[in-house]
Amino acid sequence: MRTKRLEHLVQLLRFALVSGTGLTLDFILFLGLCSLGLRPFSANAIASATGVTFVYFASVRRVFRYKGRFMTVMFATYALYQALGTVLVSWVVSTLIMHGLHPVMVKVGILPATFCANYLFMRWLTSCPERWVAVTRR
């Protein structure tokens, strides 16, 4: 039990490092697009999509130890989850900025929720590769 907890903690820390890199990419792109006059919703959607795509490819094998081959259906599920989440988060970001909050404060404020949701989803996504093989065979 103790070893399982340690493995989980190490996995969580690794995901935090990869996510931190993706977040840095997201932040730089978001702020750059906002400074160029792009609306916050669009800027966040583009920046988030870039960041989460990086996180997927950097973490699926290294963090979650997925050993299988690339499965389009698994990535498509991740992409759909992220697309829906990005629309929701972009709406929240845009709304909060329209109410006068600073873009950096908004992006930082949503981090705990998005980090937890993304970690749990990636853990579920990679926990049972057989589920994706079964879906692919249908």
N, C-alpha and C. Protein backbone atom coordinates (compact mmCIF):
# COMPACT_ATOMS: atom_id res chain seq x y z
N MET A 1 0.83 -1.19 0.00
CA MET A 1 0.00 0.00 0.00
C MET A 1 0.88 1.25 0.00
N ARG A 2 1.91 1.23 0.82
CA ARG A 2 2.80 2.39 0.91
C ARG A 2 3.54 2.61 -0.41
N THR A 3 3.96 1.52 -1.05
CA THR A 3 4.64 1.63 -2.33
C THR A 3 3.72 2.20 -3.38
N LYS A 4 2.45 1.80 -3.37
CA LYS A 4 1.48 2.32 -4.32
C LYS A 4 1.30 3.83 -4.15
N ARG A 5 1.24 4.27 -2.91
CA ARG A 5 1.11 5.71 -2.64
C ARG A 5 2.32 6.48 -3.13
N LEU A 6 3.50 5.92 -2.91
CA LEU A 6 4.72 6.58 -3.36
C LEU A 6 4.74 6.66 -4.89
N GLU A 7 4.36 5.56 -5.56
CA GLU A 7 4.30 5.57 -7.02
C GLU A 7 3.31 6.62 -7.52
N HIS A 8 2.17 6.71 -6.84
CA HIS A 8 1.16 7.69 -7.22
C HIS A 8 1.70 9.12 -7.03
N LEU A 9 2.40 9.35 -5.92
CA LEU A 9 2.97 10.67 -5.66
C LEU A 9 4.02 11.03 -6.71
N VAL A 10 4.88 10.08 -7.06
CA VAL A 10 5.90 10.31 -8.08
C VAL A 10 5.23 10.62 -9.42
N GLN A 11 4.18 9.87 -9.75
CA GLN A 11 3.44 10.12 -10.99
C GLN A 11 2.82 11.52 -10.99
N LEU A 12 2.25 11.89 -9.86
CA LEU A 12 1.64 13.22 -9.74
C LEU A 12 2.68 14.32 -9.91
N LEU A 13 3.85 14.15 -9.31
CA LEU A 13 4.93 15.14 -9.43
C LEU A 13 5.44 15.22 -10.87
N ARG A 14 5.59 14.08 -11.52
CA ARG A 14 6.02 14.08 -12.92
C ARG A 14 5.00 14.80 -13.80
N PHE A 15 3.72 14.51 -13.54
CA PHE A 15 2.68 15.18 -14.31
C PHE A 15 2.71 16.68 -14.05
N ALA A 16 2.99 17.06 -12.83
CA ALA A 16 3.08 18.49 -12.50
C ALA A 16 4.21 19.16 -13.29
N LEU A 17 5.34 18.48 -13.43
CA LEU A 17 6.46 19.04 -14.20
C LEU A 17 6.10 19.19 -15.68
N VAL A 18 5.51 18.15 -16.25
CA VAL A 18 5.12 18.21 -17.66
C VAL A 18 4.04 19.27 -17.84
N SER A 19 3.05 19.27 -16.94
CA SER A 19 1.97 20.25 -17.02
C SER A 19 2.49 21.67 -16.84
N GLY A 20 3.50 21.83 -15.99
CA GLY A 20 4.10 23.15 -15.80
C GLY A 20 4.72 23.66 -17.09
N THR A 21 5.35 22.78 -17.83
CA THR A 21 5.92 23.16 -19.11
C THR A 21 4.81 23.53 -20.10
N GLY A 22 3.76 22.69 -20.13
CA GLY A 22 2.62 22.98 -21.00
C GLY A 22 1.94 24.28 -20.61
N LEU A 23 1.86 24.52 -19.30
CA LEU A 23 1.25 25.76 -18.81
C LEU A 23 2.07 26.98 -19.19
N THR A 24 3.38 26.85 -19.12
CA THR A 24 4.25 27.95 -19.52
C THR A 24 4.01 28.30 -20.99
N LEU A 25 3.95 27.26 -21.81
CA LEU A 25 3.65 27.46 -23.23
C LEU A 25 2.28 28.13 -23.39
N ASP A 26 1.29 27.63 -22.65
CA ASP A 26 -0.07 28.17 -22.67
C ASP A 26 -0.08 29.65 -22.28
N PHE A 27 0.59 29.98 -21.16
CA PHE A 27 0.62 31.36 -20.65
C PHE A 27 1.26 32.32 -21.64
N ILE A 28 2.41 31.94 -22.14
CA ILE A 28 3.13 32.82 -23.07
C ILE A 28 2.29 33.08 -24.32
N LEU A 29 1.72 32.02 -24.84
CA LEU A 29 0.88 32.16 -26.03
C LEU A 29 -0.38 32.97 -25.73
N PHE A 30 -1.03 32.69 -24.60
CA PHE A 30 -2.24 33.42 -24.21
C PHE A 30 -1.97 34.92 -24.07
N LEU A 31 -0.95 35.26 -23.31
CA LEU A 31 -0.64 36.68 -23.10
C LEU A 31 -0.22 37.36 -24.40
N GLY A 32 0.54 36.63 -25.22
CA GLY A 32 0.95 37.18 -26.52
C GLY A 32 -0.24 37.45 -27.43
N LEU A 33 -1.16 36.49 -27.48
CA LEU A 33 -2.34 36.67 -28.32
C LEU A 33 -3.25 37.78 -27.79
N CYS A 34 -3.38 37.87 -26.46
CA CYS A 34 -4.17 38.97 -25.87
C CYS A 34 -3.54 40.32 -26.20
N SER A 35 -2.21 40.39 -26.11
CA SER A 35 -1.53 41.66 -26.38
C SER A 35 -1.63 42.05 -27.86
N LEU A 36 -1.87 41.07 -28.71
CA LEU A 36 -2.06 41.36 -30.14
C LEU A 36 -3.50 41.73 -30.46
N GLY A 37 -4.35 41.74 -29.41
CA GLY A 37 -5.73 42.17 -29.59
C GLY A 37 -6.75 41.06 -29.77
N LEU A 38 -6.32 39.82 -29.69
CA LEU A 38 -7.26 38.72 -29.81
C LEU A 38 -8.15 38.67 -28.58
N ARG A 39 -9.40 38.37 -28.75
CA ARG A 39 -10.32 38.29 -27.61
C ARG A 39 -9.88 37.18 -26.65
N PRO A 40 -10.09 37.38 -25.34
CA PRO A 40 -9.65 36.38 -24.35
C PRO A 40 -10.15 34.96 -24.62
N PHE A 41 -11.40 34.81 -25.06
CA PHE A 41 -11.92 33.47 -25.32
C PHE A 41 -11.09 32.77 -26.40
N SER A 42 -10.87 33.45 -27.51
CA SER A 42 -10.10 32.88 -28.62
C SER A 42 -8.65 32.65 -28.23
N ALA A 43 -8.07 33.63 -27.55
CA ALA A 43 -6.67 33.50 -27.12
C ALA A 43 -6.51 32.31 -26.19
N ASN A 44 -7.44 32.15 -25.25
CA ASN A 44 -7.36 31.03 -24.32
C ASN A 44 -7.58 29.70 -25.02
N ALA A 45 -8.49 29.66 -25.96
CA ALA A 45 -8.75 28.42 -26.69
C ALA A 45 -7.52 27.97 -27.47
N ILE A 46 -6.89 28.88 -28.18
CA ILE A 46 -5.69 28.55 -28.96
C ILE A 46 -4.54 28.16 -28.05
N ALA A 47 -4.30 28.95 -27.02
CA ALA A 47 -3.19 28.68 -26.10
C ALA A 47 -3.40 27.38 -25.35
N SER A 48 -4.60 27.14 -24.88
CA SER A 48 -4.89 25.91 -24.14
C SER A 48 -4.74 24.68 -25.02
N ALA A 49 -5.26 24.75 -26.23
CA ALA A 49 -5.15 23.61 -27.16
C ALA A 49 -3.69 23.26 -27.42
N THR A 50 -2.86 24.27 -27.57
CA THR A 50 -1.43 24.04 -27.79
C THR A 50 -0.80 23.40 -26.56
N GLY A 51 -1.09 23.95 -25.38
CA GLY A 51 -0.52 23.43 -24.14
C GLY A 51 -0.94 22.01 -23.84
N VAL A 52 -2.23 21.71 -23.98
CA VAL A 52 -2.70 20.36 -23.62
C VAL A 52 -2.24 19.31 -24.63
N THR A 53 -2.07 19.70 -25.88
CA THR A 53 -1.53 18.75 -26.86
C THR A 53 -0.10 18.39 -26.49
N PHE A 54 0.68 19.39 -26.11
CA PHE A 54 2.04 19.12 -25.64
C PHE A 54 2.01 18.19 -24.44
N VAL A 55 1.15 18.46 -23.47
CA VAL A 55 1.07 17.65 -22.24
C VAL A 55 0.73 16.20 -22.58
N TYR A 56 -0.20 15.99 -23.48
CA TYR A 56 -0.57 14.62 -23.85
C TYR A 56 0.64 13.86 -24.36
N PHE A 57 1.30 14.40 -25.38
CA PHE A 57 2.40 13.68 -25.99
C PHE A 57 3.61 13.56 -25.07
N ALA A 58 3.80 14.49 -24.18
CA ALA A 58 4.93 14.43 -23.25
C ALA A 58 4.65 13.52 -22.06
N SER A 59 3.39 13.32 -21.70
CA SER A 59 3.11 12.58 -20.47
C SER A 59 2.54 11.19 -20.66
N VAL A 60 1.94 10.88 -21.77
CA VAL A 60 1.24 9.61 -21.89
C VAL A 60 2.21 8.43 -21.67
N ARG A 61 3.38 8.49 -22.17
CA ARG A 61 4.36 7.40 -21.98
C ARG A 61 5.29 7.64 -20.80
N ARG A 62 5.76 8.86 -20.66
CA ARG A 62 6.75 9.13 -19.62
C ARG A 62 6.15 9.19 -18.22
N VAL A 63 5.00 9.78 -18.08
CA VAL A 63 4.39 9.94 -16.75
C VAL A 63 3.50 8.76 -16.41
N PHE A 64 2.63 8.40 -17.34
CA PHE A 64 1.63 7.38 -17.06
C PHE A 64 2.06 5.98 -17.50
N ARG A 65 3.27 5.90 -18.03
CA ARG A 65 3.89 4.62 -18.39
C ARG A 65 3.06 3.79 -19.35
N TYR A 66 2.35 4.48 -20.22
CA TYR A 66 1.57 3.77 -21.23
C TYR A 66 2.56 3.13 -22.21
N LYS A 67 2.46 1.82 -22.39
CA LYS A 67 3.43 1.10 -23.21
C LYS A 67 2.88 0.69 -24.57
N GLY A 68 1.60 0.91 -24.78
CA GLY A 68 0.98 0.49 -26.03
C GLY A 68 1.33 1.39 -27.19
N ARG A 69 0.81 1.00 -28.33
CA ARG A 69 1.04 1.79 -29.54
C ARG A 69 0.10 3.00 -29.51
N PHE A 70 0.37 3.95 -30.37
CA PHE A 70 -0.50 5.12 -30.47
C PHE A 70 -1.86 4.65 -30.94
N MET A 71 -2.90 5.07 -30.23
CA MET A 71 -4.26 4.71 -30.62
C MET A 71 -5.03 5.99 -30.89
N THR A 72 -5.49 6.09 -32.11
CA THR A 72 -6.22 7.28 -32.52
C THR A 72 -7.43 7.53 -31.63
N VAL A 73 -8.14 6.45 -31.28
CA VAL A 73 -9.35 6.61 -30.47
C VAL A 73 -9.01 7.13 -29.06
N MET A 74 -7.89 6.73 -28.51
CA MET A 74 -7.48 7.23 -27.19
C MET A 74 -7.15 8.72 -27.28
N PHE A 75 -6.38 9.10 -28.30
CA PHE A 75 -6.05 10.51 -28.46
C PHE A 75 -7.31 11.32 -28.78
N ALA A 76 -8.21 10.77 -29.59
CA ALA A 76 -9.44 11.48 -29.94
C ALA A 76 -10.30 11.71 -28.69
N THR A 77 -10.32 10.73 -27.79
CA THR A 77 -11.06 10.88 -26.54
C THR A 77 -10.45 12.00 -25.71
N TYR A 78 -9.13 12.02 -25.63
CA TYR A 78 -8.43 13.08 -24.91
C TYR A 78 -8.71 14.44 -25.56
N ALA A 79 -8.64 14.48 -26.88
CA ALA A 79 -8.87 15.74 -27.60
C ALA A 79 -10.29 16.24 -27.39
N LEU A 80 -11.26 15.34 -27.39
CA LEU A 80 -12.65 15.73 -27.16
C LEU A 80 -12.83 16.27 -25.74
N TYR A 81 -12.25 15.56 -24.77
CA TYR A 81 -12.30 16.02 -23.37
C TYR A 81 -11.70 17.42 -23.25
N GLN A 82 -10.55 17.61 -23.85
CA GLN A 82 -9.87 18.89 -23.77
C GLN A 82 -10.63 19.97 -24.54
N ALA A 83 -11.22 19.62 -25.67
CA ALA A 83 -11.99 20.61 -26.44
C ALA A 83 -13.18 21.10 -25.62
N LEU A 84 -13.90 20.18 -25.01
CA LEU A 84 -15.05 20.57 -24.18
C LEU A 84 -14.59 21.38 -22.97
N GLY A 85 -13.52 20.91 -22.34
CA GLY A 85 -12.98 21.63 -21.19
C GLY A 85 -12.46 23.00 -21.56
N THR A 86 -11.82 23.09 -22.71
CA THR A 86 -11.27 24.37 -23.16
C THR A 86 -12.37 25.38 -23.44
N VAL A 87 -13.45 24.91 -24.04
CA VAL A 87 -14.58 25.83 -24.30
C VAL A 87 -15.14 26.33 -22.97
N LEU A 88 -15.34 25.42 -22.02
CA LEU A 88 -15.87 25.82 -20.72
C LEU A 88 -14.92 26.77 -19.99
N VAL A 89 -13.66 26.42 -19.94
CA VAL A 89 -12.68 27.25 -19.24
C VAL A 89 -12.49 28.58 -19.97
N SER A 90 -12.50 28.57 -21.30
CA SER A 90 -12.35 29.81 -22.06
C SER A 90 -13.52 30.75 -21.78
N TRP A 91 -14.71 30.19 -21.66
CA TRP A 91 -15.88 31.00 -21.32
C TRP A 91 -15.71 31.61 -19.93
N VAL A 92 -15.25 30.80 -18.96
CA VAL A 92 -15.03 31.31 -17.60
C VAL A 92 -13.97 32.40 -17.61
N VAL A 93 -12.85 32.15 -18.29
CA VAL A 93 -11.77 33.12 -18.39
C VAL A 93 -12.28 34.42 -19.00
N SER A 94 -12.95 34.31 -20.11
CA SER A 94 -13.47 35.50 -20.80
C SER A 94 -14.44 36.27 -19.92
N THR A 95 -15.34 35.57 -19.27
CA THR A 95 -16.34 36.22 -18.40
C THR A 95 -15.67 36.95 -17.24
N LEU A 96 -14.71 36.30 -16.60
CA LEU A 96 -14.03 36.94 -15.46
C LEU A 96 -13.22 38.15 -15.89
N ILE A 97 -12.59 38.07 -17.05
CA ILE A 97 -11.82 39.21 -17.56
C ILE A 97 -12.77 40.36 -17.92
N MET A 98 -13.93 40.03 -18.50
CA MET A 98 -14.92 41.07 -18.84
C MET A 98 -15.45 41.76 -17.57
N HIS A 99 -15.40 41.07 -16.45
CA HIS A 99 -15.83 41.65 -15.18
C HIS A 99 -14.70 42.39 -14.46
N GLY A 100 -13.58 42.56 -15.15
CA GLY A 100 -12.52 43.40 -14.62
C GLY A 100 -11.33 42.71 -13.99
N LEU A 101 -11.31 41.37 -13.96
CA LEU A 101 -10.15 40.69 -13.40
C LEU A 101 -9.01 40.66 -14.41
N HIS A 102 -7.80 40.70 -13.92
CA HIS A 102 -6.62 40.69 -14.78
C HIS A 102 -6.44 39.29 -15.38
N PRO A 103 -6.09 39.21 -16.68
CA PRO A 103 -5.93 37.90 -17.32
C PRO A 103 -4.99 36.94 -16.60
N VAL A 104 -3.88 37.44 -16.06
CA VAL A 104 -2.95 36.56 -15.36
C VAL A 104 -3.60 36.00 -14.09
N MET A 105 -4.31 36.83 -13.38
CA MET A 105 -4.98 36.37 -12.15
C MET A 105 -6.03 35.30 -12.47
N VAL A 106 -6.73 35.48 -13.56
CA VAL A 106 -7.76 34.51 -13.96
C VAL A 106 -7.10 33.17 -14.30
N LYS A 107 -6.06 33.22 -15.13
CA LYS A 107 -5.38 31.97 -15.53
C LYS A 107 -4.80 31.25 -14.31
N VAL A 108 -4.20 31.99 -13.41
CA VAL A 108 -3.64 31.37 -12.20
C VAL A 108 -4.76 30.83 -11.31
N GLY A 109 -5.86 31.55 -11.23
CA GLY A 109 -6.96 31.14 -10.38
C GLY A 109 -7.63 29.84 -10.77
N ILE A 110 -7.62 29.55 -12.06
CA ILE A 110 -8.27 28.31 -12.51
C ILE A 110 -7.35 27.10 -12.49
N LEU A 111 -6.07 27.32 -12.24
CA LEU A 111 -5.10 26.23 -12.29
C LEU A 111 -5.42 25.03 -11.39
N PRO A 112 -5.75 25.21 -10.13
CA PRO A 112 -5.99 24.02 -9.30
C PRO A 112 -7.09 23.11 -9.87
N ALA A 113 -8.16 23.68 -10.34
CA ALA A 113 -9.26 22.88 -10.88
C ALA A 113 -8.85 22.18 -12.18
N THR A 114 -8.22 22.92 -13.08
CA THR A 114 -7.85 22.31 -14.36
C THR A 114 -6.74 21.27 -14.20
N PHE A 115 -5.78 21.52 -13.32
CA PHE A 115 -4.71 20.56 -13.09
C PHE A 115 -5.27 19.25 -12.55
N CYS A 116 -6.10 19.34 -11.54
CA CYS A 116 -6.69 18.12 -10.94
C CYS A 116 -7.53 17.36 -11.96
N ALA A 117 -8.36 18.06 -12.69
CA ALA A 117 -9.21 17.41 -13.69
C ALA A 117 -8.37 16.74 -14.77
N ASN A 118 -7.33 17.41 -15.24
CA ASN A 118 -6.49 16.85 -16.29
C ASN A 118 -5.71 15.64 -15.81
N TYR A 119 -5.18 15.71 -14.60
CA TYR A 119 -4.44 14.57 -14.05
C TYR A 119 -5.35 13.36 -13.92
N LEU A 120 -6.51 13.55 -13.33
CA LEU A 120 -7.43 12.43 -13.14
C LEU A 120 -7.89 11.85 -14.48
N PHE A 121 -8.14 12.71 -15.45
CA PHE A 121 -8.55 12.20 -16.75
C PHE A 121 -7.44 11.42 -17.43
N MET A 122 -6.22 11.93 -17.41
CA MET A 122 -5.08 11.22 -18.01
C MET A 122 -4.84 9.89 -17.31
N ARG A 123 -4.99 9.88 -16.01
CA ARG A 123 -4.81 8.63 -15.25
C ARG A 123 -5.86 7.61 -15.69
N TRP A 124 -7.10 8.05 -15.82
CA TRP A 124 -8.16 7.15 -16.28
C TRP A 124 -7.90 6.71 -17.72
N LEU A 125 -7.53 7.64 -18.56
CA LEU A 125 -7.32 7.37 -19.98
C LEU A 125 -6.28 6.28 -20.20
N THR A 126 -5.20 6.32 -19.43
CA THR A 126 -4.09 5.39 -19.65
C THR A 126 -4.13 4.17 -18.73
N SER A 127 -5.09 4.12 -17.82
CA SER A 127 -5.11 3.04 -16.82
C SER A 127 -5.52 1.69 -17.38
N CYS A 128 -6.22 1.65 -18.47
CA CYS A 128 -6.73 0.38 -19.01
C CYS A 128 -6.64 0.41 -20.53
N PRO A 129 -5.45 0.13 -21.07
CA PRO A 129 -5.28 0.19 -22.53
C PRO A 129 -6.24 -0.75 -23.28
N GLU A 130 -6.65 -1.82 -22.62
CA GLU A 130 -7.56 -2.77 -23.26
C GLU A 130 -8.86 -2.12 -23.69
N ARG A 131 -9.32 -1.13 -22.92
CA ARG A 131 -10.57 -0.46 -23.28
C ARG A 131 -10.48 0.18 -24.66
N TRP A 132 -9.30 0.70 -25.02
CA TRP A 132 -9.14 1.36 -26.32
C TRP A 132 -8.98 0.35 -27.45
N VAL A 133 -8.37 -0.79 -27.14
CA VAL A 133 -8.25 -1.84 -28.14
C VAL A 133 -9.64 -2.36 -28.49
N ALA A 134 -10.48 -2.56 -27.45
CA ALA A 134 -11.84 -3.03 -27.66
C ALA A 134 -12.64 -2.05 -28.50
N VAL A 135 -12.48 -0.76 -28.25
CA VAL A 135 -13.20 0.26 -29.01
C VAL A 135 -12.72 0.27 -30.46
N THR A 136 -11.44 0.09 -30.66
CA THR A 136 -10.85 0.11 -32.00
C THR A 136 -11.36 -1.06 -32.84
N ARG A 137 -11.58 -2.21 -32.21
CA ARG A 137 -12.02 -3.40 -32.94
C ARG A 137 -13.47 -3.36 -33.37
N ARG A 138 -14.27 -2.49 -32.81
CA ARG A 138 -15.70 -2.45 -33.15
C ARG A 138 -15.94 -2.02 -34.55
